[in-house]
Amino acid sequence: MHFLKGHMGGNTILLLSRQELGAEKDLLERVLRFCSPEVLGCHEAGILEKTSSPEALKIRIAARASRAYISACGGLTQVLGKALGTTDLGKAYGLDIPERGPFAVLLHTEGGQVRLRIERDEKETVTWTDMSSFVSELLASGIEPMNIREIPLLRVGKFLVIRGEDLEEALPGADVTHLDHATRRTIEALQAEFLALRPQASKDVALYDHKGRGPSFLRVTFPHWLPENHIEPACGTGTVAIGMAVLHHASDSRFSDSEAVTFSMESGGSPGLEGPDRTSLKLVLEKGQVREAAFSHSLVELTARGEIIEGGGKAS
């Protein structure tokens, strides 16, 4: 089976062909095995499938932390956009991609339709991912303020969203920026109690504070599952959840009369709340409520391509 591997600011992604994967039986477990640290070390995998349209792909997304198929993964769409814009991957799936200039691809996912806008010039390829279907998913699930261990939290859909300032107040002397031992143990405890209270949620944690540099007044990281040291320095769905949390917490009316809000978030490069990369998020509002979202990340790279050989229940 051929594979393509890449990352978005440290969020590692594996792309596979549904046709080459064969039978549906044990498919998820096999794909998660490919993602394991012992094989290709990826956070999520995208199983790509051809459609009848020259402008669309079907994709199923498997997540290592959740050990399940998930509805959306922004990092995967960014890596896929890079691959479609710079390699011959699109030809294998019958996509009509021009040799030069921008183009769009529609993804059919379990969470709805996701449109990619891929912009190219001689220097770079930038992908804008429409996350509006994920916004609808979050709004349908709801936004819920919570308090666990006397620390204020916010459930945004399936996400547990934590403000770094609230952790610092609860843990005087802890190094929240670099996620020291005390901070990690606290996040683990908060997540465990959160999942006990809301078992329908997922192993998705978004952490942010307001200490970014330059235009990025926000710093973000995503310690989804610390028992296995699963930390994603960048996360597209988590970025949307944080943007919605920031609007929810806003104590004034600066956003209520806006039709659109743009955030630049400092992320990537390390597990903690600092990094050299930027995640750009655009939110379209209606009466102060988020209705549409799109994001792009400053560092997306393809890192490996090759073949996976299975035998005796193992992959190499």
C-alpha atoms as a PDB file:
ATOM      1  CA  MET A   1       0.000   0.000   0.000  1.00  0.00           C
ATOM      2  CA  HIS A   2       1.308   3.397  -0.959  1.00  0.00           C
ATOM      3  CA  PHE A   3       1.300   6.166   1.632  1.00  0.00           C
ATOM      4  CA  LEU A   4       2.030   9.856   1.844  1.00  0.00           C
ATOM      5  CA  LYS A   5       2.972  11.464   5.160  1.00  0.00           C
ATOM      6  CA  GLY A   6       3.096  15.129   6.127  1.00  0.00           C
ATOM      7  CA  HIS A   7       2.442  17.526   8.952  1.00  0.00           C
ATOM      8  CA  MET A   8       0.779  20.837   9.770  1.00  0.00           C
ATOM      9  CA  GLY A   9       2.883  22.563  12.399  1.00  0.00           C
ATOM     10  CA  GLY A  10       3.673  19.227  14.044  1.00  0.00           C
ATOM     11  CA  ASN A  11       0.218  17.656  13.584  1.00  0.00           C
ATOM     12  CA  THR A  12       1.298  14.537  11.680  1.00  0.00           C
ATOM     13  CA  ILE A  13      -0.959  13.125   8.977  1.00  0.00           C
ATOM     14  CA  LEU A  14      -1.026   9.889   6.965  1.00  0.00           C
ATOM     15  CA  LEU A  15      -2.779   9.630   3.584  1.00  0.00           C
ATOM     16  CA  LEU A  16      -3.860   6.212   2.287  1.00  0.00           C
ATOM     17  CA  SER A  17      -5.879   4.822  -0.614  1.00  0.00           C
ATOM     18  CA  ARG A  18      -9.175   3.086   0.225  1.00  0.00           C
ATOM     19  CA  GLN A  19      -8.821   0.894  -2.850  1.00  0.00           C
ATOM     20  CA  GLU A  20      -5.396  -0.358  -1.802  1.00  0.00           C
ATOM     21  CA  LEU A  21      -6.495  -1.045   1.776  1.00  0.00           C
ATOM     22  CA  GLY A  22      -8.784  -3.846   0.654  1.00  0.00           C
ATOM     23  CA  ALA A  23     -11.503  -5.435   2.792  1.00  0.00           C
ATOM     24  CA  GLU A  24     -13.491  -3.406   5.321  1.00  0.00           C
ATOM     25  CA  LYS A  25     -12.931  -5.996   8.059  1.00  0.00           C
ATOM     26  CA  ASP A  26     -10.474  -4.683  10.715  1.00  0.00           C
ATOM     27  CA  LEU A  27      -9.824  -1.641   8.516  1.00  0.00           C
ATOM     28  CA  LEU A  28      -9.793   0.863  11.386  1.00  0.00           C
ATOM     29  CA  GLU A  29      -7.431  -1.219  13.511  1.00  0.00           C
ATOM     30  CA  ARG A  30      -5.061  -1.678  10.595  1.00  0.00           C
ATOM     31  CA  VAL A  31      -4.983   2.039   9.822  1.00  0.00           C
ATOM     32  CA  LEU A  32      -4.416   2.887  13.495  1.00  0.00           C
ATOM     33  CA  ARG A  33      -1.539   0.409  13.540  1.00  0.00           C
ATOM     34  CA  PHE A  34       0.025   2.279  10.622  1.00  0.00           C
ATOM     35  CA  CYS A  35      -0.346   5.497  12.647  1.00  0.00           C
ATOM     36  CA  SER A  36       1.321   4.033  15.741  1.00  0.00           C
ATOM     37  CA  PRO A  37       4.712   5.367  16.904  1.00  0.00           C
ATOM     38  CA  GLU A  38       6.237   1.982  16.033  1.00  0.00           C
ATOM     39  CA  VAL A  39       5.274   2.293  12.344  1.00  0.00           C
ATOM     40  CA  LEU A  40       4.706   5.788  10.845  1.00  0.00           C
ATOM     41  CA  GLY A  41       3.969   7.881  13.951  1.00  0.00           C
ATOM     42  CA  CYS A  42       0.967   9.904  12.797  1.00  0.00           C
ATOM     43  CA  HIS A  43      -1.823  11.586  14.751  1.00  0.00           C
ATOM     44  CA  GLU A  44      -4.536  11.090  12.122  1.00  0.00           C
ATOM     45  CA  ALA A  45      -4.995   9.195   8.871  1.00  0.00           C
ATOM     46  CA  GLY A  46      -7.085  10.049   5.829  1.00  0.00           C
ATOM     47  CA  ILE A  47      -8.502   7.195   3.754  1.00  0.00           C
ATOM     48  CA  LEU A  48      -9.001   8.649   0.263  1.00  0.00           C
ATOM     49  CA  GLU A  49     -11.532   7.389  -2.255  1.00  0.00           C
ATOM     50  CA  LYS A  50     -12.332   8.436  -5.808  1.00  0.00           C
ATOM     51  CA  THR A  51     -15.750   9.900  -6.668  1.00  0.00           C
ATOM     52  CA  SER A  52     -17.552  10.390  -9.969  1.00  0.00           C
ATOM     53  CA  SER A  53     -16.695  14.112  -9.892  1.00  0.00           C
ATOM     54  CA  PRO A  54     -13.385  15.517 -11.216  1.00  0.00           C
ATOM     55  CA  GLU A  55     -13.562  18.131  -8.439  1.00  0.00           C
ATOM     56  CA  ALA A  56     -14.333  15.957  -5.393  1.00  0.00           C
ATOM     57  CA  LEU A  57     -12.834  13.319  -3.122  1.00  0.00           C
ATOM     58  CA  LYS A  58     -14.393  11.096  -0.500  1.00  0.00           C
ATOM     59  CA  ILE A  59     -12.399  10.821   2.707  1.00  0.00           C
ATOM     60  CA  ARG A  60     -12.715   8.949   5.975  1.00  0.00           C
ATOM     61  CA  ILE A  61     -10.638  10.141   8.941  1.00  0.00           C
ATOM     62  CA  ALA A  62      -9.153   7.914  11.650  1.00  0.00           C
ATOM     63  CA  ALA A  63      -7.755   9.417  14.863  1.00  0.00           C
ATOM     64  CA  ARG A  64      -5.063   7.713  16.929  1.00  0.00           C
ATOM     65  CA  ALA A  65      -6.077   9.267  20.261  1.00  0.00           C
ATOM     66  CA  SER A  66      -9.788   8.481  19.899  1.00  0.00           C
ATOM     67  CA  ARG A  67      -9.137   5.126  18.195  1.00  0.00           C
ATOM     68  CA  ALA A  68     -12.171   5.848  16.041  1.00  0.00           C
ATOM     69  CA  TYR A  69     -13.326   7.538  12.872  1.00  0.00           C
ATOM     70  CA  ILE A  70     -13.900  11.253  13.423  1.00  0.00           C
ATOM     71  CA  SER A  71     -15.965  13.851  11.593  1.00  0.00           C
ATOM     72  CA  ALA A  72     -13.239  16.396  10.820  1.00  0.00           C
ATOM     73  CA  CYS A  73      -9.492  17.053  10.936  1.00  0.00           C
ATOM     74  CA  GLY A  74      -8.167  20.411   9.819  1.00  0.00           C
ATOM     75  CA  GLY A  75      -4.536  19.313   9.766  1.00  0.00           C
ATOM     76  CA  LEU A  76      -5.385  16.510   7.380  1.00  0.00           C
ATOM     77  CA  THR A  77      -7.029  18.940   4.955  1.00  0.00           C
ATOM     78  CA  GLN A  78      -3.965  21.195   5.036  1.00  0.00           C
ATOM     79  CA  VAL A  79      -1.598  18.308   4.269  1.00  0.00           C
ATOM     80  CA  LEU A  80      -3.962  17.035   1.574  1.00  0.00           C
ATOM     81  CA  GLY A  81      -4.093  20.506   0.009  1.00  0.00           C
ATOM     82  CA  LYS A  82      -0.303  20.637  -0.053  1.00  0.00           C
ATOM     83  CA  ALA A  83      -0.164  17.210  -1.690  1.00  0.00           C
ATOM     84  CA  LEU A  84      -2.778  18.085  -4.325  1.00  0.00           C
ATOM     85  CA  GLY A  85      -1.023  21.336  -5.120  1.00  0.00           C
ATOM     86  CA  THR A  86       2.533  19.998  -5.383  1.00  0.00           C
ATOM     87  CA  THR A  87       2.381  16.300  -6.357  1.00  0.00           C
ATOM     88  CA  ASP A  88       0.567  14.071  -8.832  1.00  0.00           C
ATOM     89  CA  LEU A  89      -1.770  12.717  -6.127  1.00  0.00           C
ATOM     90  CA  GLY A  90      -4.832  14.310  -7.727  1.00  0.00           C
ATOM     91  CA  LYS A  91      -4.340  12.389 -10.979  1.00  0.00           C
ATOM     92  CA  ALA A  92      -4.605   9.079  -9.121  1.00  0.00           C
ATOM     93  CA  TYR A  93      -8.109  10.069  -8.012  1.00  0.00           C
ATOM     94  CA  GLY A  94      -9.306  11.535 -11.301  1.00  0.00           C
ATOM     95  CA  LEU A  95      -9.216  15.156 -10.150  1.00  0.00           C
ATOM     96  CA  ASP A  96      -9.063  17.927 -12.721  1.00  0.00           C
ATOM     97  CA  ILE A  97      -6.234  20.069 -11.330  1.00  0.00           C
ATOM     98  CA  PRO A  98      -4.654  22.821 -13.459  1.00  0.00           C
ATOM     99  CA  GLU A  99      -0.886  22.929 -13.827  1.00  0.00           C
ATOM    100  CA  ARG A 100      -0.716  26.435 -12.384  1.00  0.00           C
ATOM    101  CA  GLY A 101      -2.777  28.814 -10.315  1.00  0.00           C
ATOM    102  CA  PRO A 102      -5.462  28.344  -7.666  1.00  0.00           C
ATOM    103  CA  PHE A 103      -8.078  25.617  -7.649  1.00  0.00           C
ATOM    104  CA  ALA A 104     -10.748  24.139  -5.376  1.00  0.00           C
ATOM    105  CA  VAL A 105     -11.510  20.590  -4.246  1.00  0.00           C
ATOM    106  CA  LEU A 106     -14.642  19.409  -2.451  1.00  0.00           C
ATOM    107  CA  LEU A 107     -14.204  16.762   0.245  1.00  0.00           C
ATOM    108  CA  HIS A 108     -17.066  14.459   1.162  1.00  0.00           C
ATOM    109  CA  THR A 109     -16.542  13.615   4.845  1.00  0.00           C
ATOM    110  CA  GLU A 110     -18.641  11.993   7.552  1.00  0.00           C
ATOM    111  CA  GLY A 111     -19.085  15.473   9.035  1.00  0.00           C
ATOM    112  CA  GLY A 112     -20.338  17.035   5.801  1.00  0.00           C
ATOM    113  CA  GLN A 113     -18.844  18.735   2.768  1.00  0.00           C
ATOM    114  CA  VAL A 114     -15.531  20.552   3.199  1.00  0.00           C
ATOM    115  CA  ARG A 115     -14.211  22.839   0.468  1.00  0.00           C
ATOM    116  CA  LEU A 116     -10.489  23.431   0.041  1.00  0.00           C
ATOM    117  CA  ARG A 117      -9.213  26.539  -1.696  1.00  0.00           C
ATOM    118  CA  ILE A 118      -5.625  25.860  -2.770  1.00  0.00           C
ATOM    119  CA  GLU A 119      -3.612  28.917  -3.778  1.00  0.00           C
ATOM    120  CA  ARG A 120      -0.301  28.471  -5.608  1.00  0.00           C
ATOM    121  CA  ASP A 121       2.493  30.637  -6.934  1.00  0.00           C
ATOM    122  CA  GLU A 122       6.185  30.129  -7.664  1.00  0.00           C
ATOM    123  CA  LYS A 123       7.106  30.299  -3.966  1.00  0.00           C
ATOM    124  CA  GLU A 124       4.428  28.532  -1.953  1.00  0.00           C
ATOM    125  CA  THR A 125       1.181  26.585  -1.767  1.00  0.00           C
ATOM    126  CA  VAL A 126      -1.411  27.790   0.747  1.00  0.00           C
ATOM    127  CA  THR A 127      -4.624  25.932   1.552  1.00  0.00           C
ATOM    128  CA  TRP A 128      -7.718  27.519   3.050  1.00  0.00           C
ATOM    129  CA  THR A 129     -10.036  24.960   4.626  1.00  0.00           C
ATOM    130  CA  ASP A 130     -13.728  25.777   4.973  1.00  0.00           C
ATOM    131  CA  MET A 131     -14.640  24.533   8.476  1.00  0.00           C
ATOM    132  CA  SER A 132     -18.277  25.664   8.392  1.00  0.00           C
ATOM    133  CA  SER A 133     -19.643  22.117   8.635  1.00  0.00           C
ATOM    134  CA  PHE A 134     -17.587  21.644  11.805  1.00  0.00           C
ATOM    135  CA  VAL A 135     -18.968  24.920  13.203  1.00  0.00           C
ATOM    136  CA  SER A 136     -22.468  23.503  12.690  1.00  0.00           C
ATOM    137  CA  GLU A 137     -21.438  20.343  14.525  1.00  0.00           C
ATOM    138  CA  LEU A 138     -20.112  22.334  17.489  1.00  0.00           C
ATOM    139  CA  LEU A 139     -23.188  24.557  17.659  1.00  0.00           C
ATOM    140  CA  ALA A 140     -25.505  21.538  17.504  1.00  0.00           C
ATOM    141  CA  SER A 141     -23.689  20.017  20.484  1.00  0.00           C
ATOM    142  CA  GLY A 142     -23.595  23.350  22.305  1.00  0.00           C
ATOM    143  CA  ILE A 143     -21.229  25.562  24.270  1.00  0.00           C
ATOM    144  CA  GLU A 144     -21.279  24.864  27.996  1.00  0.00           C
ATOM    145  CA  PRO A 145     -19.394  26.631  30.797  1.00  0.00           C
ATOM    146  CA  MET A 146     -18.146  24.145  33.390  1.00  0.00           C
ATOM    147  CA  ASN A 147     -16.189  24.245  36.634  1.00  0.00           C
ATOM    148  CA  ILE A 148     -14.003  21.297  37.612  1.00  0.00           C
ATOM    149  CA  ARG A 149     -11.681  21.421  40.612  1.00  0.00           C
ATOM    150  CA  GLU A 150     -12.588  25.114  40.924  1.00  0.00           C
ATOM    151  CA  ILE A 151     -11.087  25.797  37.479  1.00  0.00           C
ATOM    152  CA  PRO A 152     -13.419  27.408  34.913  1.00  0.00           C
ATOM    153  CA  LEU A 153     -13.614  25.429  31.669  1.00  0.00           C
ATOM    154  CA  LEU A 154     -15.637  25.541  28.485  1.00  0.00           C
ATOM    155  CA  ARG A 155     -17.082  22.654  26.546  1.00  0.00           C
ATOM    156  CA  VAL A 156     -17.257  23.672  22.908  1.00  0.00           C
ATOM    157  CA  GLY A 157     -18.984  20.776  21.210  1.00  0.00           C
ATOM    158  CA  LYS A 158     -16.783  17.751  21.817  1.00  0.00           C
ATOM    159  CA  PHE A 159     -13.792  19.888  22.848  1.00  0.00           C
ATOM    160  CA  LEU A 160     -12.634  20.681  26.358  1.00  0.00           C
ATOM    161  CA  VAL A 161     -11.235  24.221  26.077  1.00  0.00           C
ATOM    162  CA  ILE A 162      -8.938  25.547  28.830  1.00  0.00           C
ATOM    163  CA  ARG A 163      -7.496  29.034  29.280  1.00  0.00           C
ATOM    164  CA  GLY A 164      -3.861  29.093  30.333  1.00  0.00           C
ATOM    165  CA  GLU A 165      -4.510  32.045  32.642  1.00  0.00           C
ATOM    166  CA  ASP A 166      -7.034  29.962  34.596  1.00  0.00           C
ATOM    167  CA  LEU A 167      -4.467  27.177  35.034  1.00  0.00           C
ATOM    168  CA  GLU A 168      -1.838  29.653  36.217  1.00  0.00           C
ATOM    169  CA  GLU A 169      -4.219  31.028  38.809  1.00  0.00           C
ATOM    170  CA  ALA A 170      -5.002  27.518  40.065  1.00  0.00           C
ATOM    171  CA  LEU A 171      -1.343  26.398  39.951  1.00  0.00           C
ATOM    172  CA  PRO A 172       0.886  29.207  41.274  1.00  0.00           C
ATOM    173  CA  GLY A 173       4.463  28.662  40.139  1.00  0.00           C
ATOM    174  CA  ALA A 174       3.607  26.101  37.474  1.00  0.00           C
ATOM    175  CA  ASP A 175       5.091  26.516  33.998  1.00  0.00           C
ATOM    176  CA  VAL A 176       1.970  26.454  31.874  1.00  0.00           C
ATOM    177  CA  THR A 177       3.869  27.754  28.841  1.00  0.00           C
ATOM    178  CA  HIS A 178       6.037  24.626  28.663  1.00  0.00           C
ATOM    179  CA  LEU A 179       3.487  22.200  30.166  1.00  0.00           C
ATOM    180  CA  ASP A 180       5.560  21.151  33.176  1.00  0.00           C
ATOM    181  CA  HIS A 181       4.709  18.120  35.318  1.00  0.00           C
ATOM    182  CA  ALA A 182       2.188  19.920  37.541  1.00  0.00           C
ATOM    183  CA  THR A 183       0.370  21.409  34.560  1.00  0.00           C
ATOM    184  CA  ARG A 184       0.203  18.082  32.743  1.00  0.00           C
ATOM    185  CA  ARG A 185      -1.143  16.210  35.760  1.00  0.00           C
ATOM    186  CA  THR A 186      -3.803  18.878  36.255  1.00  0.00           C
ATOM    187  CA  ILE A 187      -4.894  18.727  32.604  1.00  0.00           C
ATOM    188  CA  GLU A 188      -5.071  14.926  32.831  1.00  0.00           C
ATOM    189  CA  ALA A 189      -7.273  15.159  35.923  1.00  0.00           C
ATOM    190  CA  LEU A 190      -9.526  17.787  34.345  1.00  0.00           C
ATOM    191  CA  GLN A 191      -9.949  15.704  31.217  1.00  0.00           C
ATOM    192  CA  ALA A 192     -10.721  12.526  33.197  1.00  0.00           C
ATOM    193  CA  GLU A 193     -13.444  14.268  35.197  1.00  0.00           C
ATOM    194  CA  PHE A 194     -14.745  16.019  32.084  1.00  0.00           C
ATOM    195  CA  LEU A 195     -15.129  12.707  30.229  1.00  0.00           C
ATOM    196  CA  ALA A 196     -16.832  11.175  33.274  1.00  0.00           C
ATOM    197  CA  LEU A 197     -19.355  14.026  33.251  1.00  0.00           C
ATOM    198  CA  ARG A 198     -19.723  14.190  29.451  1.00  0.00           C
ATOM    199  CA  PRO A 199     -18.928  10.708  28.072  1.00  0.00           C
ATOM    200  CA  GLN A 200     -20.317  11.712  24.676  1.00  0.00           C
ATOM    201  CA  ALA A 201     -17.386  14.138  24.285  1.00  0.00           C
ATOM    202  CA  SER A 202     -14.000  13.098  22.911  1.00  0.00           C
ATOM    203  CA  LYS A 203     -10.315  13.108  23.805  1.00  0.00           C
ATOM    204  CA  ASP A 204      -9.931  16.586  22.364  1.00  0.00           C
ATOM    205  CA  VAL A 205      -8.372  19.282  24.528  1.00  0.00           C
ATOM    206  CA  ALA A 206      -7.555  22.827  23.413  1.00  0.00           C
ATOM    207  CA  LEU A 207      -5.347  25.055  25.593  1.00  0.00           C
ATOM    208  CA  TYR A 208      -4.774  28.739  24.905  1.00  0.00           C
ATOM    209  CA  ASP A 209      -3.731  31.995  26.515  1.00  0.00           C
ATOM    210  CA  HIS A 210      -3.503  35.656  25.534  1.00  0.00           C
ATOM    211  CA  LYS A 211       0.278  36.061  25.622  1.00  0.00           C
ATOM    212  CA  GLY A 212       1.129  35.760  21.955  1.00  0.00           C
ATOM    213  CA  ARG A 213       3.716  37.917  20.225  1.00  0.00           C
ATOM    214  CA  GLY A 214       3.203  40.451  17.473  1.00  0.00           C
ATOM    215  CA  PRO A 215      -0.139  40.124  15.692  1.00  0.00           C
ATOM    216  CA  SER A 216      -0.837  36.780  17.388  1.00  0.00           C
ATOM    217  CA  PHE A 217      -2.256  37.728  20.756  1.00  0.00           C
ATOM    218  CA  LEU A 218      -3.302  34.089  21.219  1.00  0.00           C
ATOM    219  CA  ARG A 219      -1.007  31.117  21.874  1.00  0.00           C
ATOM    220  CA  VAL A 220      -2.427  27.630  21.384  1.00  0.00           C
ATOM    221  CA  THR A 221      -1.584  23.960  21.843  1.00  0.00           C
ATOM    222  CA  PHE A 222      -3.626  20.761  21.949  1.00  0.00           C
ATOM    223  CA  PRO A 223      -2.776  18.192  24.678  1.00  0.00           C
ATOM    224  CA  HIS A 224      -5.428  15.730  23.508  1.00  0.00           C
ATOM    225  CA  TRP A 225      -4.303  12.682  25.480  1.00  0.00           C
ATOM    226  CA  LEU A 226      -1.437  13.187  27.918  1.00  0.00           C
ATOM    227  CA  PRO A 227      -1.375   9.604  29.296  1.00  0.00           C
ATOM    228  CA  GLU A 228       0.197   8.692  25.939  1.00  0.00           C
ATOM    229  CA  ASN A 229       1.940  12.065  25.497  1.00  0.00           C
ATOM    230  CA  HIS A 230      -0.339  12.828  22.549  1.00  0.00           C
ATOM    231  CA  ILE A 231       0.078  16.563  22.085  1.00  0.00           C
ATOM    232  CA  GLU A 232      -0.622  18.258  18.770  1.00  0.00           C
ATOM    233  CA  PRO A 233       1.129  21.640  18.476  1.00  0.00           C
ATOM    234  CA  ALA A 234      -1.452  22.642  15.864  1.00  0.00           C
ATOM    235  CA  CYS A 235      -5.015  21.430  15.257  1.00  0.00           C
ATOM    236  CA  GLY A 236      -7.548  22.818  12.800  1.00  0.00           C
ATOM    237  CA  THR A 237     -10.720  21.716  14.612  1.00  0.00           C
ATOM    238  CA  GLY A 238      -9.186  22.873  17.893  1.00  0.00           C
ATOM    239  CA  THR A 239      -8.398  26.248  16.364  1.00  0.00           C
ATOM    240  CA  VAL A 240     -12.086  26.695  15.508  1.00  0.00           C
ATOM    241  CA  ALA A 241     -13.098  25.639  19.037  1.00  0.00           C
ATOM    242  CA  ILE A 242     -10.686  28.199  20.532  1.00  0.00           C
ATOM    243  CA  GLY A 243     -11.968  30.961  18.272  1.00  0.00           C
ATOM    244  CA  MET A 244     -15.518  30.236  19.406  1.00  0.00           C
ATOM    245  CA  ALA A 245     -14.369  30.124  23.042  1.00  0.00           C
ATOM    246  CA  VAL A 246     -12.666  33.517  22.748  1.00  0.00           C
ATOM    247  CA  LEU A 247     -15.882  35.026  21.382  1.00  0.00           C
ATOM    248  CA  HIS A 248     -17.882  33.365  24.167  1.00  0.00           C
ATOM    249  CA  HIS A 249     -15.613  34.798  26.864  1.00  0.00           C
ATOM    250  CA  ALA A 250     -15.506  38.313  25.385  1.00  0.00           C
ATOM    251  CA  SER A 251     -16.740  40.647  28.120  1.00  0.00           C
ATOM    252  CA  ASP A 252     -17.595  43.521  25.800  1.00  0.00           C
ATOM    253  CA  SER A 253     -19.526  44.034  22.579  1.00  0.00           C
ATOM    254  CA  ARG A 254     -16.526  44.320  20.274  1.00  0.00           C
ATOM    255  CA  PHE A 255     -17.585  41.210  18.340  1.00  0.00           C
ATOM    256  CA  SER A 256     -21.365  41.450  18.553  1.00  0.00           C
ATOM    257  CA  ASP A 257     -21.666  44.046  15.781  1.00  0.00           C
ATOM    258  CA  SER A 258     -18.984  42.485  13.585  1.00  0.00           C
ATOM    259  CA  GLU A 259     -19.720  40.515  10.469  1.00  0.00           C
ATOM    260  CA  ALA A 260     -16.317  38.837  10.441  1.00  0.00           C
ATOM    261  CA  VAL A 261     -13.454  38.271  12.868  1.00  0.00           C
ATOM    262  CA  THR A 262      -9.894  37.214  12.029  1.00  0.00           C
ATOM    263  CA  PHE A 263      -7.478  35.649  14.507  1.00  0.00           C
ATOM    264  CA  SER A 264      -3.769  34.925  14.130  1.00  0.00           C
ATOM    265  CA  MET A 265      -2.653  32.256  16.606  1.00  0.00           C
ATOM    266  CA  GLU A 266       0.892  31.419  17.642  1.00  0.00           C
ATOM    267  CA  SER A 267       1.346  27.657  17.406  1.00  0.00           C
ATOM    268  CA  GLY A 268       3.481  24.764  16.305  1.00  0.00           C
ATOM    269  CA  GLY A 269       7.085  23.740  16.769  1.00  0.00           C
ATOM    270  CA  SER A 270       6.791  22.526  20.368  1.00  0.00           C
ATOM    271  CA  PRO A 271       4.265  20.858  22.671  1.00  0.00           C
ATOM    272  CA  GLY A 272       3.851  23.996  24.788  1.00  0.00           C
ATOM    273  CA  LEU A 273       2.201  27.388  24.430  1.00  0.00           C
ATOM    274  CA  GLU A 274       4.741  28.952  22.125  1.00  0.00           C
ATOM    275  CA  GLY A 275       5.918  28.354  18.604  1.00  0.00           C
ATOM    276  CA  PRO A 276       7.258  29.852  15.386  1.00  0.00           C
ATOM    277  CA  ASP A 277       4.175  29.136  13.269  1.00  0.00           C
ATOM    278  CA  ARG A 278       0.909  30.952  12.709  1.00  0.00           C
ATOM    279  CA  THR A 279      -2.607  29.644  12.323  1.00  0.00           C
ATOM    280  CA  SER A 280      -4.951  32.087  10.601  1.00  0.00           C
ATOM    281  CA  LEU A 281      -8.661  31.760  11.408  1.00  0.00           C
ATOM    282  CA  LYS A 282     -11.520  33.667   9.760  1.00  0.00           C
ATOM    283  CA  LEU A 283     -14.964  33.569  11.375  1.00  0.00           C
ATOM    284  CA  VAL A 284     -18.152  34.903   9.796  1.00  0.00           C
ATOM    285  CA  LEU A 285     -20.719  36.036  12.361  1.00  0.00           C
ATOM    286  CA  GLU A 286     -24.451  36.536  12.362  1.00  0.00           C
ATOM    287  CA  LYS A 287     -25.797  38.484  15.352  1.00  0.00           C
ATOM    288  CA  GLY A 288     -22.637  37.646  17.261  1.00  0.00           C
ATOM    289  CA  GLN A 289     -22.937  33.917  16.538  1.00  0.00           C
ATOM    290  CA  VAL A 290     -20.325  32.070  14.450  1.00  0.00           C
ATOM    291  CA  ARG A 291     -21.856  30.712  11.246  1.00  0.00           C
ATOM    292  CA  GLU A 292     -18.855  30.069   9.009  1.00  0.00           C
ATOM    293  CA  ALA A 293     -15.148  29.447   9.526  1.00  0.00           C
ATOM    294  CA  ALA A 294     -12.022  28.950   7.438  1.00  0.00           C
ATOM    295  CA  PHE A 295      -8.417  28.498   8.463  1.00  0.00           C
ATOM    296  CA  SER A 296      -4.905  28.139   7.090  1.00  0.00           C
ATOM    297  CA  HIS A 297      -1.566  27.244   8.679  1.00  0.00           C
ATOM    298  CA  SER A 298       1.812  28.801   7.901  1.00  0.00           C
ATOM    299  CA  LEU A 299       3.875  25.579   7.924  1.00  0.00           C
ATOM    300  CA  VAL A 300       2.635  22.527   6.047  1.00  0.00           C
ATOM    301  CA  GLU A 301       5.162  19.997   4.766  1.00  0.00           C
ATOM    302  CA  LEU A 302       5.201  16.625   3.037  1.00  0.00           C
ATOM    303  CA  THR A 303       7.808  14.511   4.796  1.00  0.00           C
ATOM    304  CA  ALA A 304       7.696  10.961   3.388  1.00  0.00           C
ATOM    305  CA  ARG A 305       6.153   8.735   0.772  1.00  0.00           C
ATOM    306  CA  GLY A 306       6.569   5.011   0.240  1.00  0.00           C
ATOM    307  CA  GLU A 307       4.906   1.652   0.741  1.00  0.00           C
ATOM    308  CA  ILE A 308       3.514  -0.155   3.750  1.00  0.00           C
ATOM    309  CA  ILE A 309       4.042  -3.911   3.725  1.00  0.00           C
ATOM    310  CA  GLU A 310       1.784  -5.989   5.959  1.00  0.00           C
ATOM    311  CA  GLY A 311       2.573  -9.508   7.124  1.00  0.00           C
ATOM    312  CA  GLY A 312       1.748 -11.640  10.126  1.00  0.00           C
ATOM    313  CA  GLY A 313      -0.560  -8.986  11.528  1.00  0.00           C
ATOM    314  CA  LYS A 314       2.193  -6.347  11.511  1.00  0.00           C
ATOM    315  CA  ALA A 315       3.105  -3.483   9.248  1.00  0.00           C
ATOM    316  CA  SER A 316       6.495  -2.103   8.282  1.00  0.00           C
END
